[in-house]
């Protein structure tokens, strides 16, 4: 767990440990997940401003028949 201090501050690690304990997760993997989740930046919206040619792009709906067949037999 001390290796997490290579990527996070003591304050960040303490907060992640406190959150993990609050939800009953005691493993270092849970703490790592919490740290990584907190470090993720929210995804911004993709703006088409200045890119009017992209408004004309149409993407066809994919054919999921093969996928449905695979999942139907895996049960």
PDB file of N, CA and C in Angstrom:
ATOM      1  N   UNK A   1       0.815  -1.186   0.000  1.00  0.00           N
ATOM      2  CA  UNK A   1       0.000   0.000   0.000  1.00  0.00           C
ATOM      3  C   UNK A   1       0.866   1.259   0.000  1.00  0.00           C
ATOM      4  N   UNK A   2       2.033   1.193   0.570  1.00  0.00           N
ATOM      5  CA  UNK A   2       2.915   2.358   0.578  1.00  0.00           C
ATOM      6  C   UNK A   2       3.336   2.770  -0.829  1.00  0.00           C
ATOM      7  N   UNK A   3       3.303   1.839  -1.767  1.00  0.00           N
ATOM      8  CA  UNK A   3       3.649   2.164  -3.158  1.00  0.00           C
ATOM      9  C   UNK A   3       2.656   3.152  -3.748  1.00  0.00           C
ATOM     10  N   UNK A   4       1.458   3.212  -3.182  1.00  0.00           N
ATOM     11  CA  UNK A   4       0.463   4.166  -3.672  1.00  0.00           C
ATOM     12  C   UNK A   4       0.913   5.606  -3.447  1.00  0.00           C
ATOM     13  N   UNK A   5       1.809   5.808  -2.496  1.00  0.00           N
ATOM     14  CA  UNK A   5       2.326   7.156  -2.245  1.00  0.00           C
ATOM     15  C   UNK A   5       3.222   7.642  -3.375  1.00  0.00           C
ATOM     16  N   UNK A   6       3.604   6.744  -4.270  1.00  0.00           N
ATOM     17  CA  UNK A   6       4.369   7.157  -5.447  1.00  0.00           C
ATOM     18  C   UNK A   6       3.488   7.914  -6.428  1.00  0.00           C
ATOM     19  N   UNK A   7       2.174   7.662  -6.362  1.00  0.00           N
ATOM     20  CA  UNK A   7       1.238   8.276  -7.305  1.00  0.00           C
ATOM     21  C   UNK A   7       0.264   9.235  -6.643  1.00  0.00           C
ATOM     22  N   UNK A   8       0.191   9.215  -5.328  1.00  0.00           N
ATOM     23  CA  UNK A   8      -0.783  10.038  -4.622  1.00  0.00           C
ATOM     24  C   UNK A   8      -0.130  10.688  -3.412  1.00  0.00           C
ATOM     25  N   UNK A   9      -0.739  11.772  -2.977  1.00  0.00           N
ATOM     26  CA  UNK A   9      -0.243  12.425  -1.763  1.00  0.00           C
ATOM     27  C   UNK A   9      -0.781  11.684  -0.544  1.00  0.00           C
ATOM     28  N   UNK A  10      -0.210  11.976   0.601  1.00  0.00           N
ATOM     29  CA  UNK A  10      -0.685  11.358   1.846  1.00  0.00           C
ATOM     30  C   UNK A  10      -2.149  11.725   2.087  1.00  0.00           C
ATOM     31  N   UNK A  11      -2.506  12.950   1.780  1.00  0.00           N
ATOM     32  CA  UNK A  11      -3.891  13.398   1.958  1.00  0.00           C
ATOM     33  C   UNK A  11      -4.839  12.614   1.053  1.00  0.00           C
ATOM     34  N   UNK A  12      -4.455  12.424  -0.211  1.00  0.00           N
ATOM     35  CA  UNK A  12      -5.291  11.663  -1.143  1.00  0.00           C
ATOM     36  C   UNK A  12      -5.429  10.210  -0.691  1.00  0.00           C
ATOM     37  N   UNK A  13      -4.314   9.630  -0.266  1.00  0.00           N
ATOM     38  CA  UNK A  13      -4.329   8.239   0.186  1.00  0.00           C
ATOM     39  C   UNK A  13      -5.180   8.084   1.446  1.00  0.00           C
ATOM     40  N   UNK A  14      -5.049   9.018   2.361  1.00  0.00           N
ATOM     41  CA  UNK A  14      -5.852   8.981   3.587  1.00  0.00           C
ATOM     42  C   UNK A  14      -7.334   9.050   3.252  1.00  0.00           C
ATOM     43  N   UNK A  15      -7.700   9.937   2.346  1.00  0.00           N
ATOM     44  CA  UNK A  15      -9.104  10.053   1.939  1.00  0.00           C
ATOM     45  C   UNK A  15      -9.617   8.786   1.295  1.00  0.00           C
ATOM     46  N   UNK A  16      -8.784   8.158   0.468  1.00  0.00           N
ATOM     47  CA  UNK A  16      -9.184   6.914  -0.188  1.00  0.00           C
ATOM     48  C   UNK A  16      -9.344   5.782   0.824  1.00  0.00           C
ATOM     49  N   UNK A  17      -8.438   5.720   1.805  1.00  0.00           N
ATOM     50  CA  UNK A  17      -8.539   4.695   2.851  1.00  0.00           C
ATOM     51  C   UNK A  17      -9.805   4.917   3.674  1.00  0.00           C
ATOM     52  N   UNK A  18     -10.092   6.151   4.018  1.00  0.00           N
ATOM     53  CA  UNK A  18     -11.300   6.451   4.799  1.00  0.00           C
ATOM     54  C   UNK A  18     -12.559   6.065   4.030  1.00  0.00           C
ATOM     55  N   UNK A  19     -12.578   6.371   2.733  1.00  0.00           N
ATOM     56  CA  UNK A  19     -13.741   6.004   1.933  1.00  0.00           C
ATOM     57  C   UNK A  19     -13.874   4.487   1.828  1.00  0.00           C
ATOM     58  N   UNK A  20     -12.764   3.812   1.629  1.00  0.00           N
ATOM     59  CA  UNK A  20     -12.786   2.347   1.536  1.00  0.00           C
ATOM     60  C   UNK A  20     -13.323   1.736   2.832  1.00  0.00           C
ATOM     61  N   UNK A  21     -12.856   2.226   3.968  1.00  0.00           N
ATOM     62  CA  UNK A  21     -13.332   1.706   5.254  1.00  0.00           C
ATOM     63  C   UNK A  21     -14.818   1.989   5.454  1.00  0.00           C
ATOM     64  N   UNK A  22     -15.275   3.142   4.960  1.00  0.00           N
ATOM     65  CA  UNK A  22     -16.684   3.519   5.107  1.00  0.00           C
ATOM     66  C   UNK A  22     -17.607   2.571   4.340  1.00  0.00           C
ATOM     67  N   UNK A  23     -17.090   1.988   3.256  1.00  0.00           N
ATOM     68  CA  UNK A  23     -17.930   1.068   2.468  1.00  0.00           C
ATOM     69  C   UNK A  23     -17.597  -0.390   2.764  1.00  0.00           C
ATOM     70  N   UNK A  24     -16.710  -0.602   3.722  1.00  0.00           N
ATOM     71  CA  UNK A  24     -16.380  -1.970   4.126  1.00  0.00           C
ATOM     72  C   UNK A  24     -15.368  -2.663   3.243  1.00  0.00           C
ATOM     73  N   UNK A  25     -14.653  -1.909   2.434  1.00  0.00           N
ATOM     74  CA  UNK A  25     -13.621  -2.483   1.566  1.00  0.00           C
ATOM     75  C   UNK A  25     -12.278  -2.291   2.256  1.00  0.00           C
ATOM     76  N   UNK A  26     -11.584  -3.387   2.507  1.00  0.00           N
ATOM     77  CA  UNK A  26     -10.328  -3.276   3.260  1.00  0.00           C
ATOM     78  C   UNK A  26      -9.092  -3.639   2.453  1.00  0.00           C
ATOM     79  N   UNK A  27      -9.269  -4.043   1.213  1.00  0.00           N
ATOM     80  CA  UNK A  27      -8.133  -4.447   0.407  1.00  0.00           C
ATOM     81  C   UNK A  27      -7.457  -3.277  -0.293  1.00  0.00           C
ATOM     82  N   UNK A  28      -6.196  -3.461  -0.596  1.00  0.00           N
ATOM     83  CA  UNK A  28      -5.445  -2.403  -1.279  1.00  0.00           C
ATOM     84  C   UNK A  28      -5.969  -2.177  -2.697  1.00  0.00           C
ATOM     85  N   UNK A  29      -6.550  -3.215  -3.308  1.00  0.00           N
ATOM     86  CA  UNK A  29      -7.126  -3.040  -4.642  1.00  0.00           C
ATOM     87  C   UNK A  29      -8.277  -2.044  -4.614  1.00  0.00           C
ATOM     88  N   UNK A  30      -9.086  -2.103  -3.579  1.00  0.00           N
ATOM     89  CA  UNK A  30     -10.210  -1.171  -3.458  1.00  0.00           C
ATOM     90  C   UNK A  30      -9.695   0.253  -3.301  1.00  0.00           C
ATOM     91  N   UNK A  31      -8.661   0.413  -2.519  1.00  0.00           N
ATOM     92  CA  UNK A  31      -8.093   1.743  -2.305  1.00  0.00           C
ATOM     93  C   UNK A  31      -7.495   2.264  -3.594  1.00  0.00           C
ATOM     94  N   UNK A  32      -6.826   1.398  -4.340  1.00  0.00           N
ATOM     95  CA  UNK A  32      -6.270   1.788  -5.635  1.00  0.00           C
ATOM     96  C   UNK A  32      -7.382   2.241  -6.576  1.00  0.00           C
ATOM     97  N   UNK A  33      -8.475   1.491  -6.605  1.00  0.00           N
ATOM     98  CA  UNK A  33      -9.613   1.858  -7.465  1.00  0.00           C
ATOM     99  C   UNK A  33     -10.174   3.226  -7.083  1.00  0.00           C
ATOM    100  N   UNK A  34     -10.305   3.457  -5.799  1.00  0.00           N
ATOM    101  CA  UNK A  34     -10.829   4.747  -5.337  1.00  0.00           C
ATOM    102  C   UNK A  34      -9.898   5.871  -5.746  1.00  0.00           C
ATOM    103  N   UNK A  35      -8.586   5.675  -5.579  1.00  0.00           N
ATOM    104  CA  UNK A  35      -7.621   6.702  -5.980  1.00  0.00           C
ATOM    105  C   UNK A  35      -7.703   6.978  -7.477  1.00  0.00           C
ATOM    106  N   UNK A  36      -7.775   5.912  -8.281  1.00  0.00           N
ATOM    107  CA  UNK A  36      -7.838   6.089  -9.730  1.00  0.00           C
ATOM    108  C   UNK A  36      -9.124   6.780 -10.148  1.00  0.00           C
ATOM    109  N   UNK A  37     -10.223   6.420  -9.504  1.00  0.00           N
ATOM    110  CA  UNK A  37     -11.503   7.047  -9.828  1.00  0.00           C
ATOM    111  C   UNK A  37     -11.475   8.531  -9.515  1.00  0.00           C
ATOM    112  N   UNK A  38     -10.911   8.883  -8.385  1.00  0.00           N
ATOM    113  CA  UNK A  38     -10.833  10.299  -7.995  1.00  0.00           C
ATOM    114  C   UNK A  38      -9.920  11.094  -8.919  1.00  0.00           C
ATOM    115  N   UNK A  39      -8.931  10.433  -9.524  1.00  0.00           N
ATOM    116  CA  UNK A  39      -7.967  11.128 -10.380  1.00  0.00           C
ATOM    117  C   UNK A  39      -8.492  11.336 -11.799  1.00  0.00           C
ATOM    118  N   UNK A  40      -9.542  10.603 -12.163  1.00  0.00           N
ATOM    119  CA  UNK A  40     -10.077  10.723 -13.520  1.00  0.00           C
ATOM    120  C   UNK A  40     -10.697  12.099 -13.731  1.00  0.00           C
ATOM    121  N   UNK A  41     -10.393  12.658 -14.877  1.00  0.00           N
ATOM    122  CA  UNK A  41     -10.985  13.937 -15.244  1.00  0.00           C
ATOM    123  C   UNK A  41     -12.292  13.686 -15.982  1.00  0.00           C
ATOM    124  N   UNK A  42     -13.315  14.481 -15.698  1.00  0.00           N
ATOM    125  CA  UNK A  42     -14.570  14.285 -16.409  1.00  0.00           C
ATOM    126  C   UNK A  42     -14.392  14.549 -17.904  1.00  0.00           C
ATOM    127  N   UNK A  43     -15.139  13.813 -18.679  1.00  0.00           N
ATOM    128  CA  UNK A  43     -15.065  13.965 -20.128  1.00  0.00           C
ATOM    129  C   UNK A  43     -15.871  15.186 -20.528  1.00  0.00           C
ATOM    130  N   UNK A  44     -15.253  16.046 -21.300  1.00  0.00           N
ATOM    131  CA  UNK A  44     -15.948  17.233 -21.782  1.00  0.00           C
ATOM    132  C   UNK A  44     -16.833  16.906 -22.972  1.00  0.00           C
ATOM    133  N   UNK A  45     -17.759  17.771 -23.240  1.00  0.00           N
ATOM    134  CA  UNK A  45     -18.625  17.583 -24.390  1.00  0.00           C
ATOM    135  C   UNK A  45     -17.861  17.891 -25.669  1.00  0.00           C
ATOM    136  N   UNK A  46     -18.154  17.137 -26.708  1.00  0.00           N
ATOM    137  CA  UNK A  46     -17.527  17.367 -28.000  1.00  0.00           C
ATOM    138  C   UNK A  46     -18.345  18.408 -28.739  1.00  0.00           C
ATOM    139  N   UNK A  47     -17.736  19.506 -29.032  1.00  0.00           N
ATOM    140  CA  UNK A  47     -18.438  20.601 -29.697  1.00  0.00           C
ATOM    141  C   UNK A  47     -18.177  20.561 -31.192  1.00  0.00           C
ATOM    142  N   UNK A  48     -19.226  20.766 -31.967  1.00  0.00           N
ATOM    143  CA  UNK A  48     -19.092  20.822 -33.421  1.00  0.00           C
ATOM    144  C   UNK A  48     -18.880  22.257 -33.911  1.00  0.00           C
ATOM    145  N   UNK A  49     -18.713  23.187 -33.005  1.00  0.00           N
ATOM    146  CA  UNK A  49     -18.447  24.570 -33.404  1.00  0.00           C
ATOM    147  C   UNK A  49     -17.169  24.621 -34.229  1.00  0.00           C
ATOM    148  N   UNK A  50     -17.244  25.227 -35.380  1.00  0.00           N
ATOM    149  CA  UNK A  50     -16.094  25.322 -36.266  1.00  0.00           C
ATOM    150  C   UNK A  50     -15.855  24.064 -37.080  1.00  0.00           C
ATOM    151  N   UNK A  51     -16.692  23.059 -36.936  1.00  0.00           N
ATOM    152  CA  UNK A  51     -16.559  21.809 -37.677  1.00  0.00           C
ATOM    153  C   UNK A  51     -17.898  21.448 -38.343  1.00  0.00           C
ATOM    154  N   UNK A  52     -18.460  22.342 -39.122  1.00  0.00           N
ATOM    155  CA  UNK A  52     -19.790  22.098 -39.680  1.00  0.00           C
ATOM    156  C   UNK A  52     -19.847  20.869 -40.587  1.00  0.00           C
ATOM    157  N   UNK A  53     -18.727  20.502 -41.197  1.00  0.00           N
ATOM    158  CA  UNK A  53     -18.723  19.336 -42.082  1.00  0.00           C
ATOM    159  C   UNK A  53     -19.002  18.034 -41.326  1.00  0.00           C
ATOM    160  N   UNK A  54     -18.738  18.006 -40.024  1.00  0.00           N
ATOM    161  CA  UNK A  54     -18.994  16.797 -39.238  1.00  0.00           C
ATOM    162  C   UNK A  54     -20.478  16.587 -38.952  1.00  0.00           C
ATOM    163  N   UNK A  55     -21.265  17.649 -39.069  1.00  0.00           N
ATOM    164  CA  UNK A  55     -22.700  17.532 -38.826  1.00  0.00           C
ATOM    165  C   UNK A  55     -23.368  16.673 -39.895  1.00  0.00           C
ATOM    166  N   UNK A  56     -22.716  16.535 -41.042  1.00  0.00           N
ATOM    167  CA  UNK A  56     -23.277  15.766 -42.151  1.00  0.00           C
ATOM    168  C   UNK A  56     -22.942  14.272 -42.059  1.00  0.00           C
ATOM    169  N   UNK A  57     -22.053  13.896 -41.154  1.00  0.00           N
ATOM    170  CA  UNK A  57     -21.624  12.498 -41.044  1.00  0.00           C
ATOM    171  C   UNK A  57     -22.744  11.666 -40.427  1.00  0.00           C
ATOM    172  N   UNK A  58     -23.053  10.559 -41.082  1.00  0.00           N
ATOM    173  CA  UNK A  58     -24.072   9.636 -40.586  1.00  0.00           C
ATOM    174  C   UNK A  58     -23.409   8.273 -40.396  1.00  0.00           C
ATOM    175  N   UNK A  59     -23.551   7.711 -39.227  1.00  0.00           N
ATOM    176  CA  UNK A  59     -22.979   6.407 -38.930  1.00  0.00           C
ATOM    177  C   UNK A  59     -24.117   5.398 -38.886  1.00  0.00           C
ATOM    178  N   UNK A  60     -23.973   4.340 -39.680  1.00  0.00           N
ATOM    179  CA  UNK A  60     -25.019   3.321 -39.722  1.00  0.00           C
ATOM    180  C   UNK A  60     -25.035   2.516 -38.418  1.00  0.00           C
ATOM    181  N   UNK A  61     -26.209   2.047 -38.064  1.00  0.00           N
ATOM    182  CA  UNK A  61     -26.356   1.199 -36.891  1.00  0.00           C
ATOM    183  C   UNK A  61     -25.697  -0.145 -37.183  1.00  0.00           C
ATOM    184  N   UNK A  62     -24.840  -0.625 -36.288  1.00  0.00           N
ATOM    185  CA  UNK A  62     -24.140  -1.890 -36.547  1.00  0.00           C
ATOM    186  C   UNK A  62     -25.093  -3.085 -36.479  1.00  0.00           C
ATOM    187  N   UNK A  63     -24.742  -4.130 -37.212  1.00  0.00           N
ATOM    188  CA  UNK A  63     -25.500  -5.378 -37.190  1.00  0.00           C
ATOM    189  C   UNK A  63     -24.976  -6.224 -36.026  1.00  0.00           C
ATOM    190  N   UNK A  64     -25.809  -6.446 -35.027  1.00  0.00           N
ATOM    191  CA  UNK A  64     -25.395  -7.167 -33.827  1.00  0.00           C
ATOM    192  C   UNK A  64     -25.849  -8.620 -33.828  1.00  0.00           C
ATOM    193  N   UNK A  65     -26.226  -9.127 -34.980  1.00  0.00           N
ATOM    194  CA  UNK A  65     -26.716 -10.503 -35.071  1.00  0.00           C
ATOM    195  C   UNK A  65     -25.685 -11.504 -34.560  1.00  0.00           C
ATOM    196  N   UNK A  66     -24.443 -11.381 -34.996  1.00  0.00           N
ATOM    197  CA  UNK A  66     -23.398 -12.319 -34.576  1.00  0.00           C
ATOM    198  C   UNK A  66     -23.179 -12.250 -33.072  1.00  0.00           C
ATOM    199  N   UNK A  67     -23.199 -11.059 -32.509  1.00  0.00           N
ATOM    200  CA  UNK A  67     -23.020 -10.898 -31.068  1.00  0.00           C
ATOM    201  C   UNK A  67     -24.173 -11.560 -30.313  1.00  0.00           C
ATOM    202  N   UNK A  68     -25.382 -11.341 -30.781  1.00  0.00           N
ATOM    203  CA  UNK A  68     -26.544 -11.951 -30.123  1.00  0.00           C
ATOM    204  C   UNK A  68     -26.460 -13.475 -30.146  1.00  0.00           C
ATOM    205  N   UNK A  69     -25.969 -14.015 -31.256  1.00  0.00           N
ATOM    206  CA  UNK A  69     -25.828 -15.467 -31.354  1.00  0.00           C
ATOM    207  C   UNK A  69     -24.800 -15.988 -30.354  1.00  0.00           C
ATOM    208  N   UNK A  70     -23.695 -15.258 -30.197  1.00  0.00           N
ATOM    209  CA  UNK A  70     -22.669 -15.662 -29.235  1.00  0.00           C
ATOM    210  C   UNK A  70     -23.188 -15.627 -27.812  1.00  0.00           C
ATOM    211  N   UNK A  71     -23.892 -14.572 -27.471  1.00  0.00           N
ATOM    212  CA  UNK A  71     -24.376 -14.440 -26.098  1.00  0.00           C
ATOM    213  C   UNK A  71     -25.517 -15.402 -25.804  1.00  0.00           C
ATOM    214  N   UNK A  72     -26.267 -15.785 -26.825  1.00  0.00           N
ATOM    215  CA  UNK A  72     -27.377 -16.717 -26.608  1.00  0.00           C
ATOM    216  C   UNK A  72     -26.856 -18.104 -26.252  1.00  0.00           C
ATOM    217  N   UNK A  73     -25.691 -18.481 -26.777  1.00  0.00           N
ATOM    218  CA  UNK A  73     -25.135 -19.808 -26.522  1.00  0.00           C
ATOM    219  C   UNK A  73     -24.218 -19.870 -25.312  1.00  0.00           C
ATOM    220  N   UNK A  74     -23.875 -18.723 -24.741  1.00  0.00           N
ATOM    221  CA  UNK A  74     -22.937 -18.722 -23.613  1.00  0.00           C
ATOM    222  C   UNK A  74     -23.628 -18.958 -22.281  1.00  0.00           C
ATOM    223  N   UNK A  75     -24.932 -18.928 -22.255  1.00  0.00           N
ATOM    224  CA  UNK A  75     -25.666 -19.068 -20.968  1.00  0.00           C
ATOM    225  C   UNK A  75     -25.708 -20.460 -20.465  1.00  0.00           C
TER     226      UNK A  75
END
